[in-house]
Amino acid sequence: MFYAYILQSSKSGRYYIGHTENIEARLERHNTGKVKATKNKGPWILMSFESFQTKAQANAREFYIKSMKSRVFIEKLVATFNKDV
């Protein structure tokens, strides 16, 4: 299983969108400074994720979310995820 995910920095409120095969391990890497794009910008909180059968599907979803370039769009996804959980 592969995942597209949304993190939020509890320090700045900024969002980070990515994809991975292991959400727990990836979140730990973000929070321990092992990911260049998020280093020194956390701690990071997992706000939302979607599961996919293939890496290509998760990657496509990541790029779609990023292509929207909209904080409002991201916050709607997060709100929908939180309502479903």
N, C-alpha and C. Protein backbone atom coordinates (compact mmCIF):
# COMPACT_ATOMS: atom_id res chain seq x y z
N MET A 1 0.85 -1.18 0.00
CA MET A 1 0.00 0.00 0.00
C MET A 1 0.90 1.25 0.00
N PHE A 2 0.48 2.25 -0.74
CA PHE A 2 1.20 3.52 -0.82
C PHE A 2 0.25 4.63 -0.39
N TYR A 3 0.83 5.73 0.05
CA TYR A 3 0.03 6.81 0.62
C TYR A 3 0.47 8.17 0.09
N ALA A 4 -0.49 9.03 -0.16
CA ALA A 4 -0.25 10.46 -0.35
C ALA A 4 -0.65 11.09 0.97
N TYR A 5 0.15 12.03 1.47
CA TYR A 5 -0.12 12.56 2.80
C TYR A 5 0.08 14.07 2.87
N ILE A 6 -0.54 14.66 3.89
CA ILE A 6 -0.40 16.09 4.15
C ILE A 6 0.05 16.25 5.59
N LEU A 7 1.15 16.96 5.77
CA LEU A 7 1.65 17.30 7.10
C LEU A 7 1.47 18.79 7.32
N GLN A 8 1.40 19.18 8.59
CA GLN A 8 1.37 20.60 8.93
C GLN A 8 2.40 20.84 10.01
N SER A 9 3.16 21.92 9.85
CA SER A 9 4.14 22.33 10.84
C SER A 9 3.43 22.97 12.02
N SER A 10 3.68 22.45 13.22
CA SER A 10 3.07 23.08 14.40
C SER A 10 3.79 24.37 14.75
N LYS A 11 4.95 24.59 14.14
CA LYS A 11 5.71 25.83 14.37
C LYS A 11 5.19 26.97 13.50
N SER A 12 5.02 26.71 12.22
CA SER A 12 4.67 27.79 11.29
C SER A 12 3.26 27.68 10.70
N GLY A 13 2.64 26.50 10.81
CA GLY A 13 1.33 26.30 10.20
C GLY A 13 1.39 25.93 8.73
N ARG A 14 2.59 25.86 8.16
CA ARG A 14 2.75 25.53 6.74
C ARG A 14 2.44 24.06 6.50
N TYR A 15 2.06 23.77 5.26
CA TYR A 15 1.74 22.40 4.86
C TYR A 15 2.86 21.81 4.03
N TYR A 16 2.99 20.48 4.10
CA TYR A 16 3.91 19.73 3.26
C TYR A 16 3.12 18.55 2.70
N ILE A 17 3.23 18.31 1.41
CA ILE A 17 2.54 17.21 0.74
C ILE A 17 3.58 16.25 0.20
N GLY A 18 3.37 14.95 0.42
CA GLY A 18 4.31 13.96 -0.07
C GLY A 18 3.63 12.62 -0.30
N HIS A 19 4.43 11.61 -0.66
CA HIS A 19 3.92 10.25 -0.78
C HIS A 19 4.96 9.29 -0.23
N THR A 20 4.50 8.14 0.24
CA THR A 20 5.38 7.18 0.88
C THR A 20 4.73 5.80 0.92
N GLU A 21 5.52 4.82 1.27
CA GLU A 21 4.99 3.47 1.49
C GLU A 21 4.75 3.22 2.98
N ASN A 22 5.41 4.00 3.84
CA ASN A 22 5.30 3.80 5.28
C ASN A 22 5.12 5.16 5.96
N ILE A 23 3.90 5.49 6.32
CA ILE A 23 3.60 6.82 6.87
C ILE A 23 4.33 7.06 8.19
N GLU A 24 4.31 6.08 9.09
CA GLU A 24 4.92 6.27 10.40
C GLU A 24 6.42 6.56 10.28
N ALA A 25 7.11 5.77 9.47
CA ALA A 25 8.55 5.96 9.29
C ALA A 25 8.84 7.30 8.62
N ARG A 26 8.03 7.67 7.65
CA ARG A 26 8.25 8.93 6.94
C ARG A 26 8.02 10.12 7.86
N LEU A 27 6.99 10.07 8.70
CA LEU A 27 6.74 11.15 9.65
C LEU A 27 7.91 11.29 10.62
N GLU A 28 8.44 10.16 11.06
CA GLU A 28 9.61 10.20 11.95
C GLU A 28 10.80 10.86 11.25
N ARG A 29 11.01 10.54 9.98
CA ARG A 29 12.12 11.16 9.23
C ARG A 29 11.92 12.68 9.12
N HIS A 30 10.68 13.11 8.89
CA HIS A 30 10.40 14.55 8.84
C HIS A 30 10.71 15.20 10.19
N ASN A 31 10.31 14.56 11.26
CA ASN A 31 10.44 15.15 12.59
C ASN A 31 11.83 15.04 13.20
N THR A 32 12.71 14.24 12.59
CA THR A 32 14.08 14.13 13.09
C THR A 32 15.08 14.84 12.17
N GLY A 33 14.58 15.64 11.24
CA GLY A 33 15.45 16.45 10.40
C GLY A 33 16.13 15.69 9.28
N LYS A 34 15.63 14.53 8.91
CA LYS A 34 16.26 13.72 7.86
C LYS A 34 15.69 13.97 6.47
N VAL A 35 14.75 14.91 6.37
CA VAL A 35 14.18 15.29 5.07
C VAL A 35 14.55 16.75 4.83
N LYS A 36 15.35 16.98 3.80
CA LYS A 36 15.88 18.32 3.53
C LYS A 36 14.79 19.39 3.45
N ALA A 37 13.69 19.09 2.79
CA ALA A 37 12.63 20.09 2.56
C ALA A 37 11.93 20.52 3.85
N THR A 38 11.96 19.67 4.88
CA THR A 38 11.23 19.99 6.11
C THR A 38 12.14 20.17 7.32
N LYS A 39 13.43 20.03 7.11
CA LYS A 39 14.39 20.15 8.22
C LYS A 39 14.27 21.53 8.87
N ASN A 40 14.27 21.55 10.19
CA ASN A 40 14.20 22.77 11.00
C ASN A 40 12.90 23.55 10.83
N LYS A 41 11.87 22.91 10.31
CA LYS A 41 10.59 23.59 10.12
C LYS A 41 9.46 22.94 10.91
N GLY A 42 9.77 21.88 11.63
CA GLY A 42 8.76 21.13 12.38
C GLY A 42 8.70 21.57 13.82
N PRO A 43 8.06 20.81 14.65
CA PRO A 43 7.57 19.45 14.41
C PRO A 43 6.37 19.41 13.48
N TRP A 44 6.24 18.25 12.82
CA TRP A 44 5.20 18.05 11.83
C TRP A 44 4.11 17.13 12.37
N ILE A 45 2.88 17.45 12.01
CA ILE A 45 1.71 16.67 12.43
C ILE A 45 1.05 16.11 11.17
N LEU A 46 0.72 14.82 11.20
CA LEU A 46 0.01 14.20 10.08
C LEU A 46 -1.43 14.67 10.11
N MET A 47 -1.84 15.38 9.06
CA MET A 47 -3.18 15.95 8.99
C MET A 47 -4.14 15.12 8.15
N SER A 48 -3.61 14.43 7.13
CA SER A 48 -4.47 13.69 6.21
C SER A 48 -3.62 12.71 5.41
N PHE A 49 -4.24 11.61 4.99
CA PHE A 49 -3.58 10.71 4.05
C PHE A 49 -4.63 9.95 3.26
N GLU A 50 -4.22 9.49 2.09
CA GLU A 50 -5.06 8.66 1.23
C GLU A 50 -4.24 7.46 0.81
N SER A 51 -4.84 6.29 0.75
CA SER A 51 -4.11 5.08 0.37
C SER A 51 -4.37 4.72 -1.09
N PHE A 52 -3.34 4.11 -1.70
CA PHE A 52 -3.37 3.72 -3.11
C PHE A 52 -2.70 2.38 -3.28
N GLN A 53 -3.07 1.67 -4.33
CA GLN A 53 -2.49 0.36 -4.62
C GLN A 53 -1.07 0.46 -5.18
N THR A 54 -0.78 1.55 -5.92
CA THR A 54 0.53 1.66 -6.54
C THR A 54 1.22 2.97 -6.17
N LYS A 55 2.52 2.95 -6.28
CA LYS A 55 3.31 4.15 -6.03
C LYS A 55 2.95 5.24 -7.04
N ALA A 56 2.72 4.84 -8.28
CA ALA A 56 2.37 5.81 -9.33
C ALA A 56 1.08 6.55 -8.99
N GLN A 57 0.10 5.85 -8.44
CA GLN A 57 -1.16 6.50 -8.06
C GLN A 57 -0.94 7.50 -6.92
N ALA A 58 -0.17 7.10 -5.91
CA ALA A 58 0.12 8.00 -4.78
C ALA A 58 0.89 9.22 -5.26
N ASN A 59 1.85 8.99 -6.14
CA ASN A 59 2.65 10.08 -6.69
C ASN A 59 1.77 11.04 -7.50
N ALA A 60 0.86 10.50 -8.29
CA ALA A 60 -0.04 11.33 -9.09
C ALA A 60 -0.93 12.19 -8.18
N ARG A 61 -1.41 11.61 -7.09
CA ARG A 61 -2.26 12.37 -6.16
C ARG A 61 -1.45 13.48 -5.49
N GLU A 62 -0.21 13.17 -5.09
CA GLU A 62 0.66 14.19 -4.51
C GLU A 62 0.82 15.36 -5.48
N PHE A 63 1.13 15.08 -6.72
CA PHE A 63 1.34 16.14 -7.70
C PHE A 63 0.05 16.90 -8.00
N TYR A 64 -1.09 16.22 -7.97
CA TYR A 64 -2.36 16.91 -8.18
C TYR A 64 -2.61 17.91 -7.05
N ILE A 65 -2.42 17.47 -5.81
CA ILE A 65 -2.63 18.38 -4.67
C ILE A 65 -1.69 19.57 -4.77
N LYS A 66 -0.42 19.30 -5.08
CA LYS A 66 0.55 20.39 -5.22
C LYS A 66 0.18 21.32 -6.37
N SER A 67 -0.37 20.78 -7.44
CA SER A 67 -0.71 21.60 -8.61
C SER A 67 -1.83 22.58 -8.31
N MET A 68 -2.64 22.29 -7.32
CA MET A 68 -3.73 23.20 -6.96
C MET A 68 -3.20 24.50 -6.35
N LYS A 69 -2.02 24.45 -5.75
CA LYS A 69 -1.36 25.64 -5.18
C LYS A 69 -2.34 26.47 -4.34
N SER A 70 -3.10 25.77 -3.51
CA SER A 70 -4.15 26.45 -2.76
C SER A 70 -4.22 25.94 -1.33
N ARG A 71 -3.98 26.82 -0.38
CA ARG A 71 -4.12 26.48 1.03
C ARG A 71 -5.57 26.10 1.34
N VAL A 72 -6.51 26.81 0.71
CA VAL A 72 -7.94 26.52 0.92
C VAL A 72 -8.26 25.09 0.46
N PHE A 73 -7.75 24.69 -0.69
CA PHE A 73 -7.97 23.33 -1.20
C PHE A 73 -7.41 22.30 -0.22
N ILE A 74 -6.20 22.53 0.27
CA ILE A 74 -5.57 21.62 1.23
C ILE A 74 -6.39 21.54 2.51
N GLU A 75 -6.84 22.68 3.01
CA GLU A 75 -7.61 22.69 4.25
C GLU A 75 -8.96 21.98 4.08
N LYS A 76 -9.54 22.04 2.88
CA LYS A 76 -10.78 21.29 2.62
C LYS A 76 -10.51 19.78 2.63
N LEU A 77 -9.38 19.36 2.05
CA LEU A 77 -9.02 17.94 2.09
C LEU A 77 -8.84 17.48 3.53
N VAL A 78 -8.14 18.27 4.32
CA VAL A 78 -7.89 17.93 5.72
C VAL A 78 -9.22 17.85 6.48
N ALA A 79 -10.11 18.80 6.26
CA ALA A 79 -11.41 18.80 6.94
C ALA A 79 -12.22 17.56 6.55
N THR A 80 -12.19 17.18 5.29
CA THR A 80 -12.90 15.99 4.83
C THR A 80 -12.32 14.74 5.48
N PHE A 81 -11.00 14.66 5.54
CA PHE A 81 -10.33 13.52 6.16
C PHE A 81 -10.72 13.42 7.63
N ASN A 82 -10.68 14.54 8.34
CA ASN A 82 -10.98 14.54 9.77
C ASN A 82 -12.45 14.20 10.03
N LYS A 83 -13.33 14.53 9.11
CA LYS A 83 -14.74 14.20 9.25
C LYS A 83 -14.96 12.70 9.07
N ASP A 84 -14.18 12.10 8.15
CA ASP A 84 -14.33 10.68 7.85
C ASP A 84 -13.74 9.77 8.92
N VAL A 85 -12.80 10.28 9.70
CA VAL A 85 -12.09 9.44 10.69
C VAL A 85 -12.88 9.30 11.95
